[in-house]
Amino acid sequence: MMEPEDLLLDTEPKDLLLFNEQLRRSNRRWKTLALAACTLLLLVTLFGIVAATRARIQAEHAMRAERVSLWAEGGQLRTDASPSPLAKGLIGTWAFAGTPDEVKEPPEGGGHYKYFTGKHWCVTKANTETGKVEYHLGGTYTLDGDNLEETIKYATETIAGQIGQTFKYKIKVEGNTYTQTGVGNPYNEVWKRAK
C-alpha cells in the first residue's frame, strides 16, 4: 500500500495545479454557501425582532386606546361618549356655605374651599384672619349618577386618621350651589361656586 506522501511524489505538477484549483473552487463555494446561510439567518432574526417589536407597540397602543375609551374626561367609567352634566358641573372651586338646614354666603376672604378636577378632589380650611391652614385633605373620586364616592389619599396631621377611608354622598349641583348629603356619614354640606 502506498503512503500519501508517495502519491504526491508520483503526481504530475500540472495535475497538482489542477487539483489545487479544484480545491480552491470548492473552498470558495463552501465559503459562499456558509456566508449566504449566515446572512439568511441574520435576516430572519432581524425580521423576527422587527415583527415582535411592531406587535408589542401595536398591543401597547391598543391597550392605551382601550384605557382611554373606558374613562370619561371626569375620571368616571364611561357609559356614553361624554361626561354627564352633573360631572361637568361639579368641576371647579367651591366655598363652604354651611349645611342644608343653614345655608349662608361664604365669607368674603374665603378660608374653606373644596376643589374638584374631574378625578381628584381636595378640601382646604384656613383661618380667615391669619391665613394659617387648619386642615387639608384630598384624594380621588368617582361619580355614578348622583352617587359620589371620595377616597382620602392624603391629609394633614390633624385628620390623618382618615387616610384610606372612602365616604359616600348623594349630590346635586343647582346653578352655583353644590349640595352633598352623607350616606352613612354626617357630612351634609352646602358649597357655593367660588368667585
N, C-alpha and C. Protein backbone atom coordinates (compact mmCIF):
# COMPACT_ATOMS: atom_id res chain seq x y z
N MET A 1 0.84 -1.17 0.00
CA MET A 1 0.00 0.00 0.00
C MET A 1 0.88 1.24 0.00
N MET A 2 0.46 2.25 -0.70
CA MET A 2 1.26 3.46 -0.83
C MET A 2 0.87 4.47 0.24
N GLU A 3 1.84 5.18 0.73
CA GLU A 3 1.63 6.24 1.71
C GLU A 3 1.19 7.51 0.98
N PRO A 4 0.48 8.43 1.65
CA PRO A 4 0.03 9.65 1.00
C PRO A 4 1.18 10.48 0.45
N GLU A 5 2.33 10.46 1.12
CA GLU A 5 3.45 11.24 0.61
C GLU A 5 3.92 10.68 -0.72
N ASP A 6 3.86 9.34 -0.88
CA ASP A 6 4.28 8.71 -2.13
C ASP A 6 3.35 9.08 -3.27
N LEU A 7 2.06 9.25 -2.96
CA LEU A 7 1.10 9.64 -4.00
C LEU A 7 1.44 11.01 -4.56
N LEU A 8 1.81 11.92 -3.68
CA LEU A 8 2.14 13.27 -4.12
C LEU A 8 3.41 13.26 -4.98
N LEU A 9 4.34 12.38 -4.69
CA LEU A 9 5.60 12.31 -5.46
C LEU A 9 5.34 11.78 -6.86
N ASP A 10 4.38 10.88 -7.04
CA ASP A 10 4.09 10.29 -8.34
C ASP A 10 3.15 11.16 -9.18
N THR A 11 2.61 12.28 -8.60
CA THR A 11 1.66 13.11 -9.31
C THR A 11 2.39 14.16 -10.14
N GLU A 12 1.88 14.39 -11.34
CA GLU A 12 2.44 15.40 -12.23
C GLU A 12 2.17 16.79 -11.67
N PRO A 13 3.08 17.74 -11.90
CA PRO A 13 2.86 19.10 -11.39
C PRO A 13 1.59 19.73 -11.94
N LYS A 14 1.25 19.50 -13.23
CA LYS A 14 0.04 20.12 -13.76
C LYS A 14 -1.20 19.50 -13.13
N ASP A 15 -1.11 18.17 -12.75
CA ASP A 15 -2.24 17.55 -12.05
C ASP A 15 -2.40 18.18 -10.66
N LEU A 16 -1.25 18.47 -10.04
CA LEU A 16 -1.31 19.13 -8.72
C LEU A 16 -1.91 20.52 -8.82
N LEU A 17 -1.56 21.24 -9.88
CA LEU A 17 -2.14 22.57 -10.08
C LEU A 17 -3.65 22.48 -10.31
N LEU A 18 -4.07 21.52 -11.10
CA LEU A 18 -5.49 21.31 -11.37
C LEU A 18 -6.23 20.95 -10.09
N PHE A 19 -5.60 20.01 -9.33
CA PHE A 19 -6.20 19.60 -8.06
C PHE A 19 -6.29 20.78 -7.08
N ASN A 20 -5.23 21.58 -7.04
CA ASN A 20 -5.19 22.75 -6.18
C ASN A 20 -6.27 23.75 -6.57
N GLU A 21 -6.49 23.95 -7.86
CA GLU A 21 -7.52 24.87 -8.37
C GLU A 21 -8.91 24.38 -8.00
N GLN A 22 -9.14 23.07 -8.15
CA GLN A 22 -10.44 22.49 -7.79
C GLN A 22 -10.70 22.65 -6.28
N LEU A 23 -9.65 22.46 -5.50
CA LEU A 23 -9.77 22.62 -4.06
C LEU A 23 -10.12 24.07 -3.70
N ARG A 24 -9.49 25.04 -4.39
CA ARG A 24 -9.81 26.46 -4.15
C ARG A 24 -11.25 26.78 -4.52
N ARG A 25 -11.71 26.26 -5.66
CA ARG A 25 -13.10 26.49 -6.09
C ARG A 25 -14.08 25.89 -5.08
N SER A 26 -13.76 24.70 -4.65
CA SER A 26 -14.61 24.04 -3.66
C SER A 26 -14.66 24.85 -2.37
N ASN A 27 -13.52 25.35 -1.93
CA ASN A 27 -13.47 26.18 -0.72
C ASN A 27 -14.29 27.46 -0.90
N ARG A 28 -14.20 28.08 -2.08
CA ARG A 28 -14.97 29.29 -2.36
C ARG A 28 -16.47 29.02 -2.30
N ARG A 29 -16.89 27.87 -2.91
CA ARG A 29 -18.32 27.51 -2.89
C ARG A 29 -18.81 27.33 -1.45
N TRP A 30 -18.01 26.62 -0.64
CA TRP A 30 -18.41 26.40 0.75
C TRP A 30 -18.44 27.71 1.53
N LYS A 31 -17.46 28.55 1.28
CA LYS A 31 -17.44 29.85 1.95
C LYS A 31 -18.66 30.68 1.53
N THR A 32 -18.97 30.66 0.24
CA THR A 32 -20.12 31.40 -0.27
C THR A 32 -21.41 30.86 0.35
N LEU A 33 -21.54 29.52 0.39
CA LEU A 33 -22.72 28.92 0.99
C LEU A 33 -22.82 29.26 2.48
N ALA A 34 -21.71 29.18 3.19
CA ALA A 34 -21.71 29.50 4.63
C ALA A 34 -22.07 30.96 4.86
N LEU A 35 -21.52 31.85 4.03
CA LEU A 35 -21.82 33.27 4.14
C LEU A 35 -23.30 33.53 3.84
N ALA A 36 -23.83 32.86 2.81
CA ALA A 36 -25.25 33.02 2.45
C ALA A 36 -26.14 32.51 3.59
N ALA A 37 -25.77 31.38 4.19
CA ALA A 37 -26.55 30.83 5.29
C ALA A 37 -26.53 31.76 6.49
N CYS A 38 -25.36 32.31 6.81
CA CYS A 38 -25.25 33.26 7.93
C CYS A 38 -26.07 34.52 7.66
N THR A 39 -26.00 35.02 6.42
CA THR A 39 -26.76 36.21 6.05
C THR A 39 -28.27 35.94 6.17
N LEU A 40 -28.70 34.78 5.68
CA LEU A 40 -30.11 34.40 5.75
C LEU A 40 -30.55 34.30 7.21
N LEU A 41 -29.75 33.68 8.05
CA LEU A 41 -30.07 33.54 9.46
C LEU A 41 -30.16 34.92 10.13
N LEU A 42 -29.24 35.80 9.79
CA LEU A 42 -29.25 37.15 10.34
C LEU A 42 -30.50 37.91 9.90
N LEU A 43 -30.88 37.79 8.63
CA LEU A 43 -32.08 38.47 8.12
C LEU A 43 -33.35 37.94 8.80
N VAL A 44 -33.44 36.62 8.94
CA VAL A 44 -34.62 36.02 9.60
C VAL A 44 -34.71 36.52 11.04
N THR A 45 -33.58 36.55 11.75
CA THR A 45 -33.57 37.04 13.13
C THR A 45 -33.97 38.50 13.19
N LEU A 46 -33.43 39.31 12.28
CA LEU A 46 -33.73 40.73 12.25
C LEU A 46 -35.22 40.95 11.97
N PHE A 47 -35.77 40.25 10.98
CA PHE A 47 -37.20 40.39 10.68
C PHE A 47 -38.06 39.92 11.85
N GLY A 48 -37.63 38.89 12.56
CA GLY A 48 -38.35 38.41 13.74
C GLY A 48 -38.38 39.47 14.83
N ILE A 49 -37.25 40.13 15.06
CA ILE A 49 -37.17 41.19 16.08
C ILE A 49 -38.07 42.36 15.69
N VAL A 50 -38.01 42.75 14.41
CA VAL A 50 -38.83 43.86 13.93
C VAL A 50 -40.32 43.52 14.07
N ALA A 51 -40.70 42.31 13.69
CA ALA A 51 -42.11 41.90 13.79
C ALA A 51 -42.57 41.86 15.24
N ALA A 52 -41.72 41.35 16.13
CA ALA A 52 -42.09 41.28 17.56
C ALA A 52 -42.23 42.67 18.15
N THR A 53 -41.31 43.57 17.78
CA THR A 53 -41.37 44.95 18.28
C THR A 53 -42.63 45.65 17.77
N ARG A 54 -42.93 45.46 16.49
CA ARG A 54 -44.13 46.07 15.91
C ARG A 54 -45.39 45.55 16.61
N ALA A 55 -45.45 44.24 16.86
CA ALA A 55 -46.61 43.65 17.54
C ALA A 55 -46.73 44.19 18.96
N ARG A 56 -45.61 44.35 19.66
CA ARG A 56 -45.63 44.89 21.03
C ARG A 56 -46.14 46.32 21.04
N ILE A 57 -45.64 47.14 20.10
CA ILE A 57 -46.07 48.53 20.02
C ILE A 57 -47.55 48.62 19.69
N GLN A 58 -48.02 47.80 18.75
CA GLN A 58 -49.44 47.81 18.42
C GLN A 58 -50.29 47.38 19.61
N ALA A 59 -49.83 46.40 20.36
CA ALA A 59 -50.57 45.96 21.55
C ALA A 59 -50.61 47.06 22.60
N GLU A 60 -49.49 47.78 22.79
CA GLU A 60 -49.46 48.89 23.75
C GLU A 60 -50.42 49.99 23.32
N HIS A 61 -50.44 50.32 22.03
CA HIS A 61 -51.36 51.35 21.53
C HIS A 61 -52.81 50.91 21.72
N ALA A 62 -53.09 49.64 21.45
CA ALA A 62 -54.45 49.13 21.62
C ALA A 62 -54.87 49.20 23.08
N MET A 63 -53.96 48.82 24.00
CA MET A 63 -54.28 48.88 25.43
C MET A 63 -54.50 50.32 25.88
N ARG A 64 -53.65 51.23 25.39
CA ARG A 64 -53.79 52.64 25.75
C ARG A 64 -55.12 53.19 25.23
N ALA A 65 -55.47 52.84 24.00
CA ALA A 65 -56.74 53.30 23.43
C ALA A 65 -57.92 52.73 24.21
N GLU A 66 -57.80 51.49 24.63
CA GLU A 66 -58.87 50.86 25.42
C GLU A 66 -59.04 51.57 26.76
N ARG A 67 -57.91 51.89 27.43
CA ARG A 67 -57.99 52.60 28.70
C ARG A 67 -58.63 53.97 28.53
N VAL A 68 -58.23 54.67 27.46
CA VAL A 68 -58.79 56.00 27.22
C VAL A 68 -60.28 55.91 26.93
N SER A 69 -60.69 54.89 26.18
CA SER A 69 -62.11 54.78 25.83
C SER A 69 -62.96 54.36 27.02
N LEU A 70 -62.35 53.71 28.03
CA LEU A 70 -63.12 53.29 29.20
C LEU A 70 -63.41 54.43 30.16
N TRP A 71 -62.57 55.46 30.15
CA TRP A 71 -62.72 56.52 31.14
C TRP A 71 -63.12 57.82 30.48
N ALA A 72 -64.10 58.45 31.04
CA ALA A 72 -64.56 59.74 30.55
C ALA A 72 -63.62 60.83 31.07
N GLU A 73 -63.79 61.99 30.56
CA GLU A 73 -62.95 63.13 30.92
C GLU A 73 -62.99 63.40 32.43
N GLY A 74 -64.08 63.11 33.10
CA GLY A 74 -64.20 63.36 34.53
C GLY A 74 -63.64 62.25 35.39
N GLY A 75 -62.95 61.29 34.82
CA GLY A 75 -62.38 60.21 35.60
C GLY A 75 -63.39 59.14 35.95
N GLN A 76 -64.55 59.21 35.38
CA GLN A 76 -65.60 58.24 35.68
C GLN A 76 -65.64 57.19 34.59
N LEU A 77 -66.10 56.00 34.96
CA LEU A 77 -66.24 54.94 33.98
C LEU A 77 -67.18 55.42 32.89
N ARG A 78 -66.76 55.30 31.66
CA ARG A 78 -67.53 55.82 30.54
C ARG A 78 -68.74 54.94 30.29
N THR A 79 -69.90 55.57 30.26
CA THR A 79 -71.13 54.86 29.91
C THR A 79 -71.68 55.38 28.59
N ASP A 80 -71.22 56.55 28.20
CA ASP A 80 -71.58 57.10 26.90
C ASP A 80 -70.38 57.89 26.40
N ALA A 81 -70.58 58.69 25.37
CA ALA A 81 -69.45 59.36 24.73
C ALA A 81 -68.94 60.57 25.51
N SER A 82 -69.70 61.09 26.47
CA SER A 82 -69.24 62.28 27.18
C SER A 82 -69.68 62.24 28.64
N PRO A 83 -69.01 63.04 29.50
CA PRO A 83 -69.39 63.07 30.91
C PRO A 83 -70.79 63.65 31.08
N SER A 84 -71.41 63.27 32.17
CA SER A 84 -72.76 63.77 32.44
C SER A 84 -72.72 65.26 32.76
N PRO A 85 -73.86 65.94 32.63
CA PRO A 85 -73.90 67.35 33.02
C PRO A 85 -73.50 67.54 34.49
N LEU A 86 -73.89 66.60 35.36
CA LEU A 86 -73.52 66.70 36.77
C LEU A 86 -72.00 66.61 36.94
N ALA A 87 -71.35 65.68 36.22
CA ALA A 87 -69.89 65.54 36.30
C ALA A 87 -69.20 66.81 35.82
N LYS A 88 -69.72 67.41 34.75
CA LYS A 88 -69.14 68.66 34.24
C LYS A 88 -69.37 69.80 35.22
N GLY A 89 -70.59 69.88 35.78
CA GLY A 89 -70.94 70.97 36.69
C GLY A 89 -70.18 70.91 38.00
N LEU A 90 -69.74 69.74 38.39
CA LEU A 90 -69.03 69.55 39.66
C LEU A 90 -67.61 70.13 39.62
N ILE A 91 -67.00 70.13 38.45
CA ILE A 91 -65.61 70.57 38.32
C ILE A 91 -65.49 72.05 38.65
N GLY A 92 -64.53 72.37 39.53
CA GLY A 92 -64.30 73.76 39.88
C GLY A 92 -63.95 73.93 41.34
N THR A 93 -64.01 75.18 41.79
CA THR A 93 -63.68 75.54 43.17
C THR A 93 -64.95 75.96 43.88
N TRP A 94 -65.16 75.39 45.08
CA TRP A 94 -66.36 75.64 45.86
C TRP A 94 -65.99 76.20 47.23
N ALA A 95 -66.74 77.21 47.70
CA ALA A 95 -66.53 77.81 49.03
C ALA A 95 -67.62 77.30 49.96
N PHE A 96 -67.25 76.94 51.18
CA PHE A 96 -68.19 76.36 52.14
C PHE A 96 -69.27 77.38 52.50
N ALA A 97 -70.54 76.92 52.45
CA ALA A 97 -71.68 77.81 52.73
C ALA A 97 -72.60 77.25 53.81
N GLY A 98 -72.17 76.22 54.52
CA GLY A 98 -72.98 75.72 55.62
C GLY A 98 -73.54 74.33 55.37
N THR A 99 -74.71 74.10 55.99
CA THR A 99 -75.40 72.81 55.87
C THR A 99 -76.72 73.03 55.16
N PRO A 100 -77.39 71.96 54.71
CA PRO A 100 -78.69 72.14 54.04
C PRO A 100 -79.72 72.86 54.93
N ASP A 101 -79.58 72.71 56.25
CA ASP A 101 -80.51 73.38 57.17
C ASP A 101 -80.16 74.84 57.40
N GLU A 102 -78.91 75.22 57.16
CA GLU A 102 -78.45 76.57 57.45
C GLU A 102 -77.44 77.04 56.40
N VAL A 103 -77.97 77.48 55.26
CA VAL A 103 -77.12 77.94 54.16
C VAL A 103 -76.86 79.43 54.34
N LYS A 104 -75.61 79.86 54.19
CA LYS A 104 -75.26 81.27 54.26
C LYS A 104 -74.24 81.57 53.16
N GLU A 105 -73.98 82.82 52.96
CA GLU A 105 -72.97 83.21 51.97
C GLU A 105 -71.58 82.94 52.56
N PRO A 106 -70.68 82.39 51.74
CA PRO A 106 -69.31 82.17 52.24
C PRO A 106 -68.67 83.51 52.60
N PRO A 107 -67.76 83.50 53.58
CA PRO A 107 -67.10 84.76 53.95
C PRO A 107 -66.32 85.35 52.78
N GLU A 108 -66.22 86.65 52.75
CA GLU A 108 -65.52 87.39 51.70
C GLU A 108 -64.10 86.86 51.50
N GLY A 109 -63.39 86.61 52.59
CA GLY A 109 -62.00 86.16 52.49
C GLY A 109 -61.85 84.67 52.29
N GLY A 110 -62.98 83.98 52.13
CA GLY A 110 -62.93 82.53 51.91
C GLY A 110 -62.45 81.80 53.14
N GLY A 111 -61.55 80.91 52.97
CA GLY A 111 -60.99 80.18 54.09
C GLY A 111 -61.30 78.70 54.08
N HIS A 112 -62.41 78.30 53.48
CA HIS A 112 -62.79 76.88 53.46
C HIS A 112 -63.25 76.54 52.03
N TYR A 113 -62.39 75.82 51.30
CA TYR A 113 -62.65 75.54 49.89
C TYR A 113 -62.60 74.04 49.59
N LYS A 114 -63.38 73.67 48.59
CA LYS A 114 -63.37 72.30 48.08
C LYS A 114 -63.15 72.39 46.57
N TYR A 115 -62.28 71.53 46.06
CA TYR A 115 -61.91 71.57 44.64
C TYR A 115 -62.20 70.21 44.00
N PHE A 116 -62.78 70.22 42.82
CA PHE A 116 -62.98 69.01 42.01
C PHE A 116 -62.32 69.24 40.65
N THR A 117 -61.54 68.25 40.18
CA THR A 117 -60.83 68.43 38.91
C THR A 117 -61.36 67.54 37.79
N GLY A 118 -62.22 66.60 38.11
CA GLY A 118 -62.65 65.61 37.13
C GLY A 118 -62.27 64.22 37.58
N LYS A 119 -61.25 64.12 38.44
CA LYS A 119 -60.86 62.84 39.01
C LYS A 119 -60.36 63.01 40.44
N HIS A 120 -59.77 64.14 40.74
CA HIS A 120 -59.22 64.40 42.06
C HIS A 120 -60.03 65.48 42.78
N TRP A 121 -59.98 65.46 44.09
CA TRP A 121 -60.65 66.46 44.91
C TRP A 121 -59.75 66.80 46.09
N CYS A 122 -59.99 67.95 46.70
CA CYS A 122 -59.32 68.29 47.95
C CYS A 122 -60.13 69.35 48.67
N VAL A 123 -59.95 69.42 49.99
CA VAL A 123 -60.58 70.44 50.83
C VAL A 123 -59.46 71.10 51.62
N THR A 124 -59.50 72.43 51.67
CA THR A 124 -58.55 73.19 52.47
C THR A 124 -59.35 74.14 53.35
N LYS A 125 -59.07 74.09 54.65
CA LYS A 125 -59.69 75.04 55.57
C LYS A 125 -58.58 75.83 56.22
N ALA A 126 -58.66 77.15 56.04
CA ALA A 126 -57.66 78.06 56.63
C ALA A 126 -58.38 79.07 57.52
N ASN A 127 -57.67 79.55 58.50
CA ASN A 127 -58.19 80.60 59.37
C ASN A 127 -58.31 81.87 58.53
N THR A 128 -59.50 82.47 58.49
CA THR A 128 -59.71 83.64 57.63
C THR A 128 -58.93 84.86 58.10
N GLU A 129 -58.57 84.92 59.37
CA GLU A 129 -57.82 86.08 59.89
C GLU A 129 -56.31 85.92 59.72
N THR A 130 -55.79 84.71 60.01
CA THR A 130 -54.34 84.52 59.97
C THR A 130 -53.85 83.89 58.66
N GLY A 131 -54.75 83.21 57.96
CA GLY A 131 -54.36 82.53 56.73
C GLY A 131 -53.70 81.18 56.98
N LYS A 132 -53.53 80.80 58.24
CA LYS A 132 -52.90 79.52 58.56
C LYS A 132 -53.87 78.38 58.27
N VAL A 133 -53.34 77.32 57.64
CA VAL A 133 -54.16 76.16 57.28
C VAL A 133 -54.48 75.35 58.54
N GLU A 134 -55.77 75.12 58.75
CA GLU A 134 -56.21 74.31 59.89
C GLU A 134 -56.18 72.83 59.51
N TYR A 135 -56.65 72.53 58.31
CA TYR A 135 -56.53 71.17 57.80
C TYR A 135 -56.63 71.18 56.29
N HIS A 136 -56.09 70.11 55.73
CA HIS A 136 -56.12 69.92 54.27
C HIS A 136 -56.19 68.42 54.02
N LEU A 137 -57.06 68.00 53.12
CA LEU A 137 -57.15 66.60 52.75
C LEU A 137 -57.63 66.50 51.32
N GLY A 138 -57.44 65.32 50.72
CA GLY A 138 -57.89 65.13 49.35
C GLY A 138 -57.61 63.73 48.87
N GLY A 139 -57.95 63.50 47.62
CA GLY A 139 -57.75 62.18 47.02
C GLY A 139 -58.43 62.09 45.68
N THR A 140 -59.06 60.96 45.43
CA THR A 140 -59.74 60.71 44.16
C THR A 140 -61.23 60.53 44.41
N TYR A 141 -62.01 60.67 43.35
CA TYR A 141 -63.45 60.45 43.48
C TYR A 141 -64.00 59.77 42.24
N THR A 142 -65.14 59.13 42.42
CA THR A 142 -65.88 58.56 41.31
C THR A 142 -67.32 59.06 41.43
N LEU A 143 -67.96 59.18 40.29
CA LEU A 143 -69.34 59.66 40.25
C LEU A 143 -70.15 58.71 39.39
N ASP A 144 -71.21 58.16 39.98
CA ASP A 144 -72.11 57.25 39.26
C ASP A 144 -73.51 57.80 39.44
N GLY A 145 -74.01 58.47 38.40
CA GLY A 145 -75.29 59.17 38.54
C GLY A 145 -75.10 60.31 39.52
N ASP A 146 -75.89 60.32 40.62
CA ASP A 146 -75.70 61.35 41.64
C ASP A 146 -75.03 60.79 42.89
N ASN A 147 -74.40 59.63 42.77
CA ASN A 147 -73.67 58.99 43.87
C ASN A 147 -72.19 59.30 43.75
N LEU A 148 -71.67 60.04 44.71
CA LEU A 148 -70.28 60.44 44.72
C LEU A 148 -69.55 59.63 45.79
N GLU A 149 -68.37 59.09 45.45
CA GLU A 149 -67.51 58.40 46.42
C GLU A 149 -66.16 59.08 46.41
N GLU A 150 -65.77 59.60 47.57
CA GLU A 150 -64.47 60.26 47.73
C GLU A 150 -63.57 59.36 48.57
N THR A 151 -62.38 59.10 48.05
CA THR A 151 -61.39 58.33 48.80
C THR A 151 -60.27 59.27 49.22
N ILE A 152 -59.98 59.28 50.51
CA ILE A 152 -58.94 60.17 51.04
C ILE A 152 -57.59 59.51 50.85
N LYS A 153 -56.70 60.18 50.12
CA LYS A 153 -55.36 59.67 49.83
C LYS A 153 -54.29 60.40 50.64
N TYR A 154 -54.59 61.62 51.10
CA TYR A 154 -53.62 62.40 51.86
C TYR A 154 -54.38 63.37 52.78
N ALA A 155 -53.72 63.77 53.88
CA ALA A 155 -54.34 64.70 54.83
C ALA A 155 -53.26 65.27 55.75
N THR A 156 -53.59 66.42 56.34
CA THR A 156 -52.69 66.99 57.34
C THR A 156 -52.77 66.14 58.61
N GLU A 157 -51.81 66.37 59.50
CA GLU A 157 -51.67 65.54 60.70
C GLU A 157 -52.95 65.49 61.53
N THR A 158 -53.67 66.61 61.62
CA THR A 158 -54.85 66.65 62.49
C THR A 158 -55.96 65.69 62.07
N ILE A 159 -56.01 65.32 60.81
CA ILE A 159 -57.05 64.40 60.33
C ILE A 159 -56.47 63.23 59.54
N ALA A 160 -55.20 62.94 59.76
CA ALA A 160 -54.51 61.88 59.02
C ALA A 160 -55.13 60.50 59.26
N GLY A 161 -55.88 60.35 60.34
CA GLY A 161 -56.55 59.08 60.62
C GLY A 161 -57.58 58.70 59.56
N GLN A 162 -58.00 59.66 58.75
CA GLN A 162 -59.00 59.39 57.71
C GLN A 162 -58.37 58.89 56.40
N ILE A 163 -57.06 58.92 56.29
CA ILE A 163 -56.41 58.47 55.06
C ILE A 163 -56.78 57.02 54.78
N GLY A 164 -57.19 56.76 53.54
CA GLY A 164 -57.60 55.41 53.14
C GLY A 164 -59.10 55.18 53.23
N GLN A 165 -59.82 56.07 53.90
CA GLN A 165 -61.27 55.91 54.03
C GLN A 165 -61.98 56.44 52.79
N THR A 166 -63.14 55.86 52.51
CA THR A 166 -63.98 56.31 51.40
C THR A 166 -65.32 56.77 51.98
N PHE A 167 -65.77 57.93 51.55
CA PHE A 167 -67.04 58.50 52.01
C PHE A 167 -67.99 58.60 50.82
N LYS A 168 -69.26 58.26 51.07
CA LYS A 168 -70.28 58.26 50.01
C LYS A 168 -71.27 59.40 50.25
N TYR A 169 -71.73 59.97 49.15
CA TYR A 169 -72.68 61.09 49.22
C TYR A 169 -73.69 60.98 48.08
N LYS A 170 -74.85 61.55 48.30
CA LYS A 170 -75.80 61.88 47.23
C LYS A 170 -75.54 63.36 46.97
N ILE A 171 -75.37 63.73 45.71
CA ILE A 171 -75.03 65.12 45.43
C ILE A 171 -75.95 65.72 44.39
N LYS A 172 -75.94 67.06 44.37
CA LYS A 172 -76.62 67.79 43.29
C LYS A 172 -75.91 69.12 43.10
N VAL A 173 -75.92 69.58 41.87
CA VAL A 173 -75.39 70.90 41.54
C VAL A 173 -76.53 71.65 40.88
N GLU A 174 -76.94 72.74 41.54
CA GLU A 174 -78.01 73.58 41.01
C GLU A 174 -77.46 74.99 40.87
N GLY A 175 -77.25 75.40 39.63
CA GLY A 175 -76.65 76.71 39.39
C GLY A 175 -75.25 76.74 40.00
N ASN A 176 -75.05 77.68 40.94
CA ASN A 176 -73.75 77.82 41.59
C ASN A 176 -73.73 77.22 42.99
N THR A 177 -74.63 76.27 43.25
CA THR A 177 -74.69 75.64 44.57
C THR A 177 -74.49 74.13 44.43
N TYR A 178 -73.57 73.62 45.24
CA TYR A 178 -73.29 72.19 45.29
C TYR A 178 -73.72 71.68 46.67
N THR A 179 -74.57 70.65 46.69
CA THR A 179 -75.05 70.09 47.95
C THR A 179 -74.66 68.62 48.01
N GLN A 180 -74.10 68.21 49.14
CA GLN A 180 -73.77 66.81 49.35
C GLN A 180 -74.46 66.34 50.62
N THR A 181 -75.09 65.18 50.53
CA THR A 181 -75.75 64.56 51.67
C THR A 181 -75.01 63.26 51.96
N GLY A 182 -74.46 63.16 53.16
CA GLY A 182 -73.68 61.99 53.54
C GLY A 182 -74.53 60.72 53.56
N VAL A 183 -73.97 59.64 53.00
CA VAL A 183 -74.61 58.33 53.05
C VAL A 183 -73.75 57.49 54.01
N GLY A 184 -74.28 57.30 55.23
CA GLY A 184 -73.51 56.58 56.23
C GLY A 184 -72.43 57.43 56.88
N ASN A 185 -72.51 58.75 56.72
CA ASN A 185 -71.58 59.67 57.38
C ASN A 185 -72.31 60.99 57.64
N PRO A 186 -71.80 61.82 58.55
CA PRO A 186 -72.51 63.05 58.95
C PRO A 186 -72.21 64.28 58.09
N TYR A 187 -71.50 64.12 56.98
CA TYR A 187 -71.04 65.29 56.22
C TYR A 187 -72.09 65.78 55.23
N ASN A 188 -73.11 66.46 55.75
CA ASN A 188 -74.14 67.10 54.94
C ASN A 188 -73.73 68.56 54.79
N GLU A 189 -73.34 68.94 53.57
CA GLU A 189 -72.75 70.27 53.38
C GLU A 189 -73.28 70.94 52.12
N VAL A 190 -73.23 72.27 52.16
CA VAL A 190 -73.60 73.08 51.01
C VAL A 190 -72.39 73.96 50.68
N TRP A 191 -72.07 74.06 49.40
CA TRP A 191 -70.93 74.83 48.92
C TRP A 191 -71.41 75.73 47.79
N LYS A 192 -70.86 76.93 47.72
CA LYS A 192 -71.17 77.86 46.63
C LYS A 192 -69.95 77.97 45.73
N ARG A 193 -70.20 78.06 44.42
CA ARG A 193 -69.07 78.20 43.48
C ARG A 193 -68.27 79.44 43.83
N ALA A 194 -66.96 79.29 43.99
CA ALA A 194 -66.10 80.40 44.37
C ALA A 194 -66.04 81.43 43.25
N LYS A 195 -66.02 82.71 43.67
CA LYS A 195 -65.98 83.80 42.69
C LYS A 195 -64.58 84.31 42.53
